[in-house]
Amino acid sequence: MQRMERRRQAFTLVELLVVIAIIGILIALLLPAVQAAREAARRSECKNHLKQIGLAFLLHEDTHGHMPSLGWGWAWVGDPDRGFGERQPAGWVYNILPYIEQQALHDLGAGQSVAAKRALAGQVAMTPIATMNCPSRRSAIPYVAFYSGGTFHAYNADAVPVHARSDYAVNAGTTVHTLSGPTSLEQGDTTFDWKSANIPYEQRNGLAYLRSQVRHGQITDGLSNTYCVGEKYLIPDHYTNGMNGADNTSMYQGYDWDVNRWGNATPDRLPQQDRPGADNWTIFGSPHAGGFNMVFCDGSVHQIPYSIDGEIHRRLTSRNDGLPVELNE
């Protein structure tokens, strides 16, 4: 007698559910590792951006004899016909363009009429650069321009609907100041009282301020002991909508919360990780867990822990207090 063998044609429902459960467990185990690897890659890319910025600062100082300036104030962008010193109204991002392979962008409008330069300056204000953004936070694209309920425009540029923004800010010292410069090029060159408008001399202990020209010789605490440019704190609620008063205009502007930050030992000046609902326009920080990235004046890049001692943070922000520093990363 022949016996008929029955072939199994498919999984049973129980077996299928077991397989699905196993796959789900494997995904749950692997996903954090994948996410951690991606964040590590983004953090590494962020450090590389700061390395390039630090090199640009060194090249600027070698070429012009001083670190990049913070220009004339928040309502000014770059003018390619006004050099790199006290007559240049733009801030540090514009001043380092030739040293991050952006010479053509820096020179846009050179030799043109006033009207043509204003239009082209607006174009520059909208132009993002990948080096200026942390990939953990946002992409290098133009973001909506928003200022006090309307579109913002600089004194020397046409109004534009979007602006390029930076996730990095220069070290402006230990004392927060709100500064405004002149309202015209002529005033800035002739009658404007820069001494009264600027930071008191004894408080100019950062890398940049209005019309600054800080030389390496003035960084008496040592290039390896002084902050240069670091990640700035931002509230995640306003990463892209222009409604953060410290991130609502172009990264090419002069002295402003958008492009410079401060550090001190007081709780409101210590670095923080970006947190929804918690705004602070003055401090360093980042979306990274554990700490933020900072390039020092010697070009070295360090991760500064959010738990850094306040006094050490203050000393690293000052370039000339004469006090010793020991950084434990």
Protein backbone atom coordinates (compact mmCIF):
# COMPACT_ATOMS: atom_id res chain seq x y z
CA MET A 1 0.00 0.00 0.00
CA GLN A 2 1.35 3.43 -0.92
CA ARG A 3 1.16 6.24 1.61
CA MET A 4 0.38 9.73 0.49
CA GLU A 5 2.79 12.38 1.90
CA ARG A 6 1.24 15.73 2.64
CA ARG A 7 3.33 18.76 1.68
CA ARG A 8 3.21 21.89 3.76
CA GLN A 9 2.26 24.76 1.47
CA ALA A 10 2.72 27.74 3.84
CA PHE A 11 3.49 29.02 7.33
CA THR A 12 0.82 28.70 9.91
CA LEU A 13 -0.53 31.92 11.38
CA VAL A 14 1.29 31.29 14.65
CA GLU A 15 4.61 30.80 12.86
CA LEU A 16 4.10 33.98 10.84
CA LEU A 17 3.39 35.97 13.98
CA VAL A 18 6.50 34.58 15.64
CA VAL A 19 8.65 35.60 12.65
CA ILE A 20 7.16 39.11 12.62
CA ALA A 21 7.80 39.44 16.36
CA ILE A 22 11.43 38.37 15.94
CA ILE A 23 11.95 40.88 13.12
CA GLY A 24 10.40 43.61 15.27
CA ILE A 25 12.73 42.79 18.16
CA LEU A 26 15.76 42.84 15.85
CA ILE A 27 14.75 46.23 14.44
CA ALA A 28 14.20 47.60 17.94
CA LEU A 29 17.67 46.40 18.94
CA LEU A 30 19.41 47.67 15.82
CA LEU A 31 17.65 51.04 15.37
CA PRO A 32 19.35 52.85 18.30
CA ALA A 33 22.74 51.64 17.05
CA VAL A 34 21.98 52.89 13.55
CA GLN A 35 20.77 56.23 14.89
CA ALA A 36 23.85 56.54 17.10
CA ALA A 37 26.12 55.82 14.13
CA ARG A 38 24.35 58.45 12.04
CA GLU A 39 24.63 61.05 14.81
CA ALA A 40 28.31 60.23 15.26
CA ALA A 41 28.82 60.85 11.54
CA ARG A 42 26.91 64.14 11.73
CA ARG A 43 28.89 65.25 14.79
CA SER A 44 32.12 64.42 12.95
CA GLU A 45 30.97 66.47 9.95
CA CYS A 46 30.12 69.37 12.27
CA LYS A 47 33.63 69.23 13.74
CA ASN A 48 35.07 69.25 10.24
CA HIS A 49 33.08 72.40 9.43
CA LEU A 50 34.54 74.12 12.48
CA LYS A 51 38.01 72.92 11.53
CA GLN A 52 37.59 74.68 8.17
CA ILE A 53 36.32 77.83 9.89
CA GLY A 54 39.24 77.83 12.31
CA LEU A 55 41.70 77.49 9.42
CA ALA A 56 39.95 80.40 7.67
CA PHE A 57 40.45 82.57 10.77
CA LEU A 58 44.15 81.70 10.83
CA LEU A 59 44.52 82.49 7.13
CA HIS A 60 42.66 85.79 7.60
CA GLU A 61 45.00 86.79 10.42
CA ASP A 62 48.05 85.75 8.39
CA THR A 63 46.86 87.76 5.37
CA HIS A 64 45.44 90.90 7.02
CA GLY A 65 47.23 90.98 10.36
CA HIS A 66 44.09 90.51 12.47
CA MET A 67 41.16 88.17 13.08
CA PRO A 68 37.90 88.73 11.15
CA SER A 69 35.88 91.70 12.38
CA LEU A 70 32.24 91.84 13.46
CA GLY A 71 31.67 94.84 11.27
CA TRP A 72 29.26 97.68 11.91
CA GLY A 73 26.26 96.00 13.52
CA TRP A 74 23.19 93.89 12.87
CA ALA A 75 21.77 95.96 9.98
CA TRP A 76 24.80 95.63 7.71
CA VAL A 77 26.00 93.00 5.24
CA GLY A 78 29.11 92.82 3.07
CA ASP A 79 30.54 95.35 0.63
CA PRO A 80 33.24 93.86 -1.63
CA ASP A 81 34.79 97.28 -2.27
CA ARG A 82 35.51 98.09 1.39
CA GLY A 83 38.27 95.63 2.30
CA PHE A 84 38.62 93.61 5.53
CA GLY A 85 39.28 96.24 8.18
CA GLU A 86 37.35 98.99 9.93
CA ARG A 87 35.57 100.14 6.74
CA GLN A 88 33.98 96.72 6.15
CA PRO A 89 30.42 96.72 7.58
CA ALA A 90 29.86 92.95 7.41
CA GLY A 91 30.68 90.38 10.07
CA TRP A 92 32.99 87.40 10.33
CA VAL A 93 31.18 85.02 7.95
CA TYR A 94 31.50 87.45 5.06
CA ASN A 95 35.12 88.21 5.93
CA ILE A 96 36.23 84.57 5.80
CA LEU A 97 34.55 83.78 2.46
CA PRO A 98 37.83 83.94 0.46
CA TYR A 99 39.35 81.39 2.86
CA ILE A 100 36.58 78.78 2.54
CA GLU A 101 36.68 78.68 -1.27
CA GLN A 102 33.98 81.34 -1.68
CA GLN A 103 35.98 84.17 -3.26
CA ALA A 104 33.43 84.65 -6.07
CA LEU A 105 30.60 85.05 -3.55
CA HIS A 106 32.64 87.57 -1.56
CA ASP A 107 33.42 89.62 -4.68
CA LEU A 108 29.86 89.67 -6.04
CA GLY A 109 29.02 93.30 -6.88
CA ALA A 110 32.58 94.61 -6.77
CA GLY A 111 32.93 97.80 -8.79
CA GLN A 112 29.19 98.03 -9.50
CA SER A 113 26.83 100.96 -8.97
CA VAL A 114 25.18 101.47 -5.59
CA ALA A 115 21.85 100.08 -6.86
CA ALA A 116 23.50 97.05 -8.44
CA LYS A 117 25.50 96.33 -5.29
CA ARG A 118 22.38 96.51 -3.13
CA ALA A 119 20.63 93.94 -5.33
CA LEU A 120 23.65 91.64 -5.37
CA ALA A 121 24.17 92.03 -1.61
CA GLY A 122 20.63 90.76 -1.19
CA GLN A 123 21.54 87.79 -3.35
CA VAL A 124 24.56 87.06 -1.15
CA ALA A 125 22.37 87.27 1.96
CA MET A 126 20.26 84.43 0.58
CA THR A 127 23.17 82.14 -0.34
CA PRO A 128 23.72 79.20 2.04
CA ILE A 129 27.08 77.47 2.53
CA ALA A 130 27.23 73.88 3.79
CA THR A 131 30.24 74.69 5.97
CA MET A 132 28.10 77.03 8.06
CA ASN A 133 25.47 74.51 9.15
CA CYS A 134 25.51 71.61 11.59
CA PRO A 135 23.90 68.57 9.88
CA SER A 136 22.39 67.45 13.19
CA ARG A 137 20.27 70.60 13.26
CA ARG A 138 19.30 71.72 9.75
CA SER A 139 20.25 71.72 6.10
CA ALA A 140 22.19 74.45 4.31
CA ILE A 141 19.24 76.07 2.55
CA PRO A 142 17.74 79.59 2.73
CA TYR A 143 15.20 80.08 5.52
CA VAL A 144 12.34 82.53 5.77
CA ALA A 145 13.41 86.08 6.60
CA PHE A 146 11.42 87.41 9.53
CA TYR A 147 11.99 90.51 11.59
CA SER A 148 9.46 92.19 13.87
CA GLY A 149 6.56 90.97 11.79
CA GLY A 150 8.01 91.82 8.39
CA THR A 151 10.84 91.18 5.97
CA PHE A 152 14.19 92.46 7.18
CA HIS A 153 16.67 94.25 4.96
CA ALA A 154 20.10 95.70 5.67
CA TYR A 155 21.07 99.34 5.14
CA ASN A 156 23.24 98.31 2.19
CA ALA A 157 21.13 95.53 0.64
CA ASP A 158 17.70 95.10 -0.93
CA ALA A 159 15.05 93.25 1.08
CA VAL A 160 14.86 89.54 0.32
CA PRO A 161 12.26 86.91 1.35
CA VAL A 162 14.74 84.33 2.66
CA HIS A 163 18.13 84.35 4.36
CA ALA A 164 21.06 81.97 4.74
CA ARG A 165 21.71 81.17 8.39
CA SER A 166 24.66 79.80 10.34
CA ASP A 167 24.70 77.35 13.24
CA TYR A 168 28.04 78.76 14.42
CA ALA A 169 28.90 81.96 16.30
CA VAL A 170 32.13 83.78 17.08
CA ASN A 171 33.33 84.32 20.65
CA ALA A 172 32.31 87.89 21.57
CA GLY A 173 33.68 87.78 25.12
CA THR A 174 32.25 87.48 28.62
CA THR A 175 29.87 90.47 28.77
CA VAL A 176 26.70 90.70 26.67
CA HIS A 177 26.21 93.98 24.82
CA THR A 178 23.49 95.09 22.41
CA LEU A 179 25.20 97.37 19.91
CA SER A 180 23.93 99.36 16.94
CA GLY A 181 26.13 100.94 14.34
CA PRO A 182 25.61 103.80 11.88
CA THR A 183 22.71 104.03 9.44
CA SER A 184 24.73 104.98 6.35
CA LEU A 185 28.17 104.35 4.91
CA GLU A 186 28.95 108.05 5.00
CA GLN A 187 28.05 108.30 8.68
CA GLY A 188 30.14 105.23 9.50
CA ASP A 189 33.15 106.67 7.71
CA THR A 190 32.94 110.18 9.15
CA THR A 191 30.67 111.37 11.97
CA PHE A 192 29.59 108.20 13.80
CA ASP A 193 30.84 108.01 17.41
CA TRP A 194 32.35 104.52 17.40
CA LYS A 195 33.93 104.95 20.83
CA SER A 196 30.58 105.54 22.53
CA ALA A 197 28.75 102.89 20.51
CA ASN A 198 31.29 100.12 21.06
CA ILE A 199 31.95 97.82 24.00
CA PRO A 200 33.88 99.53 26.84
CA TYR A 201 37.55 98.93 26.18
CA GLU A 202 38.14 96.92 29.36
CA GLN A 203 35.35 94.50 28.34
CA ARG A 204 36.67 93.78 24.83
CA ASN A 205 38.02 90.38 25.82
CA GLY A 206 36.51 88.20 23.08
CA LEU A 207 37.62 87.57 19.52
CA ALA A 208 35.31 90.09 17.85
CA TYR A 209 33.18 93.20 18.42
CA LEU A 210 32.26 96.31 16.41
CA ARG A 211 35.09 97.08 13.95
CA SER A 212 37.41 94.73 15.85
CA GLN A 213 40.86 93.89 14.56
CA VAL A 214 42.16 91.44 17.16
CA ARG A 215 45.72 90.27 16.48
CA HIS A 216 47.22 87.00 17.65
CA GLY A 217 49.53 89.01 19.89
CA GLN A 218 46.47 90.33 21.74
CA ILE A 219 45.35 86.79 22.63
CA THR A 220 47.68 86.76 25.59
CA ASP A 221 46.09 83.70 27.24
CA GLY A 222 47.29 81.63 24.28
CA LEU A 223 45.64 80.50 21.07
CA SER A 224 45.08 77.00 22.48
CA ASN A 225 43.33 78.42 25.56
CA THR A 226 40.82 80.71 23.85
CA TYR A 227 37.49 80.02 22.16
CA CYS A 228 37.22 81.09 18.52
CA VAL A 229 33.95 79.92 16.91
CA GLY A 230 31.47 77.42 18.31
CA GLU A 231 28.00 76.04 17.89
CA LYS A 232 25.29 78.42 19.07
CA TYR A 233 22.30 77.47 21.19
CA LEU A 234 18.93 77.56 19.42
CA ILE A 235 15.42 76.72 20.51
CA PRO A 236 14.21 73.80 18.31
CA ASP A 237 10.75 75.39 17.99
CA HIS A 238 12.23 78.01 15.65
CA TYR A 239 14.98 76.21 13.72
CA THR A 240 13.38 77.11 10.38
CA ASN A 241 10.67 79.75 10.81
CA GLY A 242 12.76 82.88 11.52
CA MET A 243 10.86 83.62 14.73
CA ASN A 244 13.90 83.38 17.00
CA GLY A 245 15.28 86.87 17.58
CA ALA A 246 18.80 85.43 17.68
CA ASP A 247 18.45 83.57 14.39
CA ASN A 248 16.22 85.65 12.14
CA THR A 249 18.55 87.51 9.77
CA SER A 250 21.40 86.72 7.40
CA MET A 251 24.61 85.05 8.58
CA TYR A 252 26.61 87.66 6.63
CA GLN A 253 25.52 90.51 8.91
CA GLY A 254 27.64 92.37 11.43
CA TYR A 255 27.58 92.25 15.24
CA ASP A 256 24.40 90.54 16.44
CA TRP A 257 23.10 87.61 18.48
CA ASP A 258 22.74 85.65 15.23
CA VAL A 259 26.50 85.50 14.61
CA ASN A 260 28.21 86.04 17.98
CA ARG A 261 27.72 84.57 21.43
CA TRP A 262 29.12 85.07 24.94
CA GLY A 263 30.30 82.90 27.82
CA ASN A 264 30.50 83.46 31.56
CA ALA A 265 30.29 81.61 34.86
CA THR A 266 26.73 82.75 35.60
CA PRO A 267 24.00 80.12 35.03
CA ASP A 268 22.38 82.10 32.21
CA ARG A 269 25.67 82.16 30.24
CA LEU A 270 26.56 78.46 30.46
CA PRO A 271 26.20 76.24 27.36
CA GLN A 272 23.13 74.06 26.94
CA GLN A 273 21.75 71.39 24.64
CA ASP A 274 18.91 72.68 22.43
CA ARG A 275 15.59 72.23 24.27
CA PRO A 276 12.02 72.88 23.07
CA GLY A 277 10.42 75.82 24.84
CA ALA A 278 13.70 77.07 26.35
CA ASP A 279 15.00 80.18 24.61
CA ASN A 280 18.36 81.90 25.15
CA TRP A 281 19.82 84.34 22.64
CA THR A 282 23.29 84.69 24.13
CA ILE A 283 24.91 81.31 24.77
CA PHE A 284 26.75 78.55 23.01
CA GLY A 285 25.09 75.14 22.65
CA SER A 286 24.00 72.56 20.11
CA PRO A 287 21.59 69.74 19.27
CA HIS A 288 24.24 67.15 20.21
CA ALA A 289 23.96 65.16 23.43
CA GLY A 290 26.71 65.67 25.98
CA GLY A 291 28.37 68.77 24.62
CA PHE A 292 28.87 71.27 21.79
CA ASN A 293 31.74 71.67 19.33
CA MET A 294 34.17 74.60 19.47
CA VAL A 295 37.21 75.51 17.41
CA PHE A 296 39.92 77.27 19.41
CA CYS A 297 42.14 80.06 18.11
CA ASP A 298 44.93 77.58 17.29
CA GLY A 299 42.60 75.70 14.93
CA SER A 300 42.00 72.70 17.19
CA VAL A 301 38.42 71.48 17.61
CA HIS A 302 37.09 70.26 20.95
CA GLN A 303 33.80 68.97 22.29
CA ILE A 304 32.94 71.14 25.28
CA PRO A 305 30.70 69.33 27.80
CA TYR A 306 27.54 71.09 28.92
CA SER A 307 28.70 70.27 32.45
CA ILE A 308 31.83 72.42 32.07
CA ASP A 309 32.77 74.34 35.18
CA GLY A 310 31.44 77.88 34.83
CA GLU A 311 34.72 79.55 35.72
CA ILE A 312 36.64 77.45 33.16
CA HIS A 313 34.03 78.40 30.54
CA ARG A 314 34.51 82.07 31.39
CA ARG A 315 38.30 81.84 31.18
CA LEU A 316 38.15 80.12 27.78
CA THR A 317 35.90 82.92 26.52
CA SER A 318 38.32 85.65 27.61
CA ARG A 319 41.49 86.04 25.55
CA ASN A 320 43.44 88.12 28.06
CA ASP A 321 42.53 87.49 31.70
CA GLY A 322 45.88 85.84 32.46
CA LEU A 323 44.32 82.94 34.38
CA PRO A 324 45.29 79.27 33.87
CA VAL A 325 42.91 76.88 32.12
CA GLU A 326 42.62 73.10 32.30
CA LEU A 327 39.97 71.67 29.99
CA ASN A 328 38.71 68.16 30.71
CA GLU A 329 36.73 66.92 27.73
